[in-house]
Amino acid sequence: MTYAVEVNNVSMHFNMNKDKIDNLKEYCIKLLKRQLFFEDFTALQNISFTINRGDVFGIIGLNGSGKSTLLKIISGILKPSAGSVTVAGTVAPLIELGAGFDADLTARENIFLNGSVLGFSRDFMRQKFEEIVEFSELEEFIDVPIKNFSSGMVARIGFSVATIVKPDILICDEILSVGDYKFQEKCEKRIQELMSDQTTVILVSHSIEQIERMCNRILWLERGCIKAIGGREIIPLYQPDFEGRDS
């Protein structure tokens, strides 16, 4: 079996400032006096799993369970504190709404900007521009600065650009929960098309119904650790620990 993603004993630690600091001046003073105190925060602990090529791999868990951190490590945005991740192929990450966008630029300008961030040439973006705009359904707003857009409108542009070509791996963090139901259905249909060409999809969603409908394999994270991993049989067992972290 050819793996699209292989995660080996990945852990992620962050140093969290324990002091309440109201301004930059106070921070600098405490830093110079060595009076800053930090607490180790473990976001992920010894995470190992593989994702097969063509899988739609769902990740579930409460806020603070490590889902987004894991996606950022897989996409190469973060480097793990320990362990390794091997990714086979091109990755199109849809992790943070508005990432790679300039709020002062128009939607038209941001389409070209986001395309360059993803490695697409300007000529290629010109060829695909009309198709991107048509899919986003934002023709009337194409020359409006995106600082005036809702999060759902930004998500439409991001998804339209990221999926204009068929990436080997598509990473979606709650992207399908933003916007109206009709557009969510449209995004799911495009993901189904990508799947038919063996694109691997990694999907984080708080919608268990969406995870059950779309994913053939599921990872349940709790407090930075793997609670369970398997097929749809995990869904009835999903009982998150509400006394866990909330961020």
Protein backbone atom coordinates (compact mmCIF):
# COMPACT_ATOMS: atom_id res chain seq x y z
CA MET A 1 0.00 0.00 0.00
CA THR A 2 1.29 3.45 -0.97
CA TYR A 3 0.89 5.97 1.81
CA ALA A 4 -0.03 9.58 1.08
CA VAL A 5 0.88 10.66 4.62
CA GLU A 6 2.90 8.90 7.29
CA VAL A 7 3.05 10.39 10.79
CA ASN A 8 5.64 8.86 13.13
CA ASN A 9 5.68 9.58 16.89
CA VAL A 10 4.87 13.26 16.46
CA SER A 11 4.76 15.48 19.54
CA MET A 12 4.28 19.23 19.70
CA HIS A 13 5.11 21.45 22.67
CA PHE A 14 4.54 25.18 23.09
CA ASN A 15 5.94 27.53 25.75
CA MET A 16 2.96 29.41 27.18
CA ASN A 17 3.56 32.65 29.10
CA LYS A 18 2.07 32.29 32.61
CA ASP A 19 2.18 36.03 33.43
CA LYS A 20 -0.49 38.55 32.58
CA ILE A 21 1.27 41.33 30.66
CA ASP A 22 -0.70 44.39 29.59
CA ASN A 23 1.74 46.06 27.19
CA LEU A 24 4.98 45.68 25.25
CA LYS A 25 6.94 47.87 27.69
CA GLU A 26 6.08 45.60 30.61
CA TYR A 27 7.03 42.55 28.53
CA CYS A 28 10.45 44.01 27.65
CA ILE A 29 11.17 44.93 31.26
CA LYS A 30 10.29 41.46 32.49
CA LEU A 31 12.33 39.93 29.67
CA LEU A 32 15.43 41.98 30.55
CA LYS A 33 15.04 41.15 34.24
CA ARG A 34 14.48 37.48 33.39
CA GLN A 35 11.16 37.59 35.19
CA LEU A 36 9.15 35.90 32.46
CA PHE A 37 7.85 32.46 33.37
CA PHE A 38 6.63 29.94 30.85
CA GLU A 39 4.63 26.76 31.10
CA ASP A 40 5.09 23.82 28.74
CA PHE A 41 1.91 23.08 26.83
CA THR A 42 1.68 19.71 25.08
CA ALA A 43 -0.53 20.07 22.01
CA LEU A 44 0.25 16.60 20.62
CA GLN A 45 1.80 13.56 22.27
CA ASN A 46 3.31 10.59 20.40
CA ILE A 47 0.95 10.64 17.42
CA SER A 48 1.45 7.90 14.79
CA PHE A 49 -0.78 6.90 11.88
CA THR A 50 -0.80 6.54 8.10
CA ILE A 51 -3.22 7.81 5.48
CA ASN A 52 -3.60 5.78 2.31
CA ARG A 53 -3.68 7.38 -1.10
CA GLY A 54 -7.29 8.20 -2.02
CA ASP A 55 -8.58 8.17 1.56
CA VAL A 56 -10.97 10.77 2.89
CA PHE A 57 -9.51 10.94 6.38
CA GLY A 58 -11.57 12.67 9.04
CA ILE A 59 -10.19 14.10 12.29
CA ILE A 60 -12.59 14.71 15.17
CA GLY A 61 -12.27 16.04 18.72
CA LEU A 62 -13.09 19.04 20.86
CA ASN A 63 -11.45 22.43 20.44
CA GLY A 64 -7.98 22.17 21.92
CA SER A 65 -7.57 18.48 21.15
CA GLY A 66 -4.77 19.20 18.65
CA LYS A 67 -6.62 18.88 15.34
CA SER A 68 -5.49 22.15 13.74
CA THR A 69 -1.95 21.77 15.09
CA LEU A 70 -1.74 18.34 13.47
CA LEU A 71 -2.96 19.70 10.13
CA LYS A 72 -0.36 22.49 10.24
CA ILE A 73 2.39 19.94 10.88
CA ILE A 74 1.22 17.73 8.00
CA SER A 75 1.06 20.73 5.66
CA GLY A 76 4.54 21.90 6.70
CA ILE A 77 3.45 25.14 8.38
CA LEU A 78 4.73 23.91 11.76
CA LYS A 79 7.72 21.73 12.54
CA PRO A 80 7.01 19.11 15.24
CA SER A 81 8.95 19.18 18.51
CA ALA A 82 9.62 15.46 18.01
CA GLY A 83 8.86 12.81 15.41
CA SER A 84 8.48 13.11 11.67
CA VAL A 85 5.89 13.43 8.90
CA THR A 86 6.34 12.08 5.38
CA VAL A 87 4.05 13.47 2.68
CA ALA A 88 3.93 12.00 -0.82
CA GLY A 89 2.83 14.58 -3.35
CA THR A 90 1.58 18.14 -3.59
CA VAL A 91 -0.46 19.59 -0.74
CA ALA A 92 -3.24 22.20 -0.96
CA PRO A 93 -3.93 23.36 2.61
CA LEU A 94 -7.19 25.13 3.50
CA ILE A 95 -6.41 25.62 7.17
CA GLU A 96 -6.96 29.24 8.17
CA LEU A 97 -9.56 31.37 6.46
CA GLY A 98 -7.84 34.30 4.81
CA ALA A 99 -4.33 32.83 5.04
CA GLY A 100 -2.36 34.15 2.08
CA PHE A 101 -4.87 36.94 1.47
CA ASP A 102 -4.39 40.72 1.74
CA ALA A 103 -7.48 42.37 3.22
CA ASP A 104 -6.85 45.63 1.38
CA LEU A 105 -6.74 43.96 -2.04
CA THR A 106 -9.79 43.08 -4.10
CA ALA A 107 -11.03 39.54 -4.58
CA ARG A 108 -9.61 39.64 -8.13
CA GLU A 109 -6.15 40.61 -6.86
CA ASN A 110 -6.29 38.06 -4.06
CA ILE A 111 -7.10 35.25 -6.46
CA PHE A 112 -3.79 35.90 -8.24
CA LEU A 113 -1.99 36.42 -4.92
CA ASN A 114 -3.31 33.17 -3.45
CA GLY A 115 -2.50 31.34 -6.66
CA SER A 116 1.13 32.47 -6.45
CA VAL A 117 1.28 31.32 -2.81
CA LEU A 118 0.15 27.88 -3.98
CA GLY A 119 2.81 27.88 -6.71
CA PHE A 120 0.62 28.61 -9.74
CA SER A 121 1.98 30.88 -12.50
CA ARG A 122 0.25 34.12 -13.43
CA ASP A 123 -0.49 32.80 -16.92
CA PHE A 124 -2.11 29.71 -15.43
CA MET A 125 -4.22 31.86 -13.09
CA ARG A 126 -5.36 33.99 -16.04
CA GLN A 127 -6.50 30.85 -17.83
CA LYS A 128 -8.39 29.59 -14.79
CA PHE A 129 -9.66 32.93 -13.51
CA GLU A 130 -13.20 32.74 -14.92
CA GLU A 131 -13.60 29.18 -13.70
CA ILE A 132 -12.49 30.18 -10.18
CA VAL A 133 -14.88 33.13 -10.07
CA GLU A 134 -17.77 31.07 -11.43
CA PHE A 135 -17.28 28.38 -8.81
CA SER A 136 -17.05 30.92 -5.98
CA GLU A 137 -20.31 32.59 -7.17
CA LEU A 138 -18.86 36.00 -6.28
CA GLU A 139 -18.92 37.63 -9.71
CA GLU A 140 -20.65 40.76 -8.38
CA PHE A 141 -18.00 41.28 -5.70
CA ILE A 142 -14.84 40.45 -7.64
CA ASP A 143 -13.50 44.03 -7.48
CA VAL A 144 -14.43 44.64 -3.84
CA PRO A 145 -11.65 44.58 -1.18
CA ILE A 146 -11.99 41.36 0.81
CA LYS A 147 -11.86 43.28 4.10
CA ASN A 148 -15.55 43.85 3.33
CA PHE A 149 -16.19 40.12 2.85
CA SER A 150 -17.72 37.71 5.32
CA SER A 151 -15.69 34.68 6.41
CA GLY A 152 -17.89 32.55 4.17
CA MET A 153 -17.08 34.65 1.11
CA VAL A 154 -13.35 34.42 1.85
CA ALA A 155 -13.71 30.64 2.23
CA ARG A 156 -15.36 30.44 -1.19
CA ILE A 157 -12.39 32.11 -2.86
CA GLY A 158 -9.85 30.03 -0.93
CA PHE A 159 -11.56 26.75 -1.78
CA SER A 160 -12.08 27.72 -5.42
CA VAL A 161 -8.39 28.55 -5.92
CA ALA A 162 -7.01 25.57 -3.96
CA THR A 163 -9.08 23.05 -5.91
CA ILE A 164 -8.70 24.52 -9.39
CA VAL A 165 -6.13 21.80 -10.02
CA LYS A 166 -6.23 18.35 -8.51
CA PRO A 167 -3.71 18.28 -5.65
CA ASP A 168 -2.36 14.98 -4.36
CA ILE A 169 -3.50 15.94 -0.86
CA LEU A 170 -6.24 18.43 0.08
CA ILE A 171 -6.33 19.55 3.72
CA CYS A 172 -9.56 21.19 4.96
CA ASP A 173 -9.96 22.61 8.47
CA GLU A 174 -13.65 23.39 9.05
CA ILE A 175 -13.75 24.87 5.56
CA LEU A 176 -16.97 23.05 4.66
CA SER A 177 -18.82 24.41 7.69
CA VAL A 178 -18.56 28.01 6.44
CA GLY A 179 -21.11 29.47 4.06
CA ASP A 180 -24.59 28.43 3.05
CA TYR A 181 -25.78 24.85 2.69
CA LYS A 182 -25.91 25.07 -1.11
CA PHE A 183 -22.24 26.02 -1.35
CA GLN A 184 -21.28 23.31 1.16
CA GLU A 185 -22.94 20.76 -1.11
CA LYS A 186 -21.02 22.20 -4.06
CA CYS A 187 -17.72 21.83 -2.16
CA GLU A 188 -18.55 18.25 -1.20
CA LYS A 189 -19.29 17.44 -4.84
CA ARG A 190 -15.90 18.82 -5.89
CA ILE A 191 -14.21 16.76 -3.18
CA GLN A 192 -15.98 13.67 -4.53
CA GLU A 193 -14.58 14.51 -7.97
CA LEU A 194 -11.09 14.84 -6.51
CA MET A 195 -11.49 11.49 -4.77
CA SER A 196 -12.28 9.82 -8.09
CA ASP A 197 -8.81 10.89 -9.25
CA GLN A 198 -7.17 9.46 -6.10
CA THR A 199 -6.72 12.81 -4.35
CA THR A 200 -6.31 12.25 -0.62
CA VAL A 201 -8.51 14.47 1.55
CA ILE A 202 -7.86 15.25 5.21
CA LEU A 203 -10.94 16.81 6.77
CA VAL A 204 -11.46 18.39 10.19
CA SER A 205 -15.08 19.12 11.03
CA HIS A 206 -17.26 19.53 14.10
CA SER A 207 -20.11 18.09 12.03
CA ILE A 208 -20.18 14.39 12.84
CA GLU A 209 -22.82 13.90 10.14
CA GLN A 210 -20.43 15.37 7.58
CA ILE A 211 -17.55 13.19 8.79
CA GLU A 212 -19.73 10.07 8.65
CA ARG A 213 -21.04 10.94 5.19
CA MET A 214 -17.69 11.75 3.58
CA CYS A 215 -14.88 9.91 5.39
CA ASN A 216 -13.82 6.28 5.10
CA ARG A 217 -11.26 6.55 7.94
CA ILE A 218 -11.45 8.59 11.14
CA LEU A 219 -8.99 9.75 13.80
CA TRP A 220 -10.35 10.80 17.20
CA LEU A 221 -8.03 13.12 19.13
CA GLU A 222 -8.51 13.91 22.80
CA ARG A 223 -6.18 16.17 24.82
CA GLY A 224 -3.46 15.81 22.19
CA CYS A 225 -3.52 12.01 22.16
CA ILE A 226 -5.11 9.42 19.89
CA LYS A 227 -8.31 8.17 21.48
CA ALA A 228 -9.28 5.94 18.57
CA ILE A 229 -8.60 5.41 14.88
CA GLY A 230 -10.49 3.31 12.38
CA GLY A 231 -13.54 3.39 10.13
CA ARG A 232 -17.05 4.73 10.60
CA GLU A 233 -17.54 2.37 13.56
CA ILE A 234 -15.83 5.08 15.64
CA ILE A 235 -18.77 7.47 15.21
CA PRO A 236 -21.14 5.79 17.73
CA LEU A 237 -18.27 5.65 20.24
CA TYR A 238 -17.46 9.36 19.96
CA GLN A 239 -18.02 10.79 23.43
CA PRO A 240 -15.56 13.67 23.85
CA ASP A 241 -14.22 14.60 27.26
CA PHE A 242 -15.87 17.97 27.92
CA GLU A 243 -13.56 18.54 30.87
CA GLY A 244 -10.63 18.76 28.43
CA ARG A 245 -9.05 21.88 27.05
CA ASP A 246 -11.21 24.58 25.53
CA SER A 247 -8.82 26.36 23.20
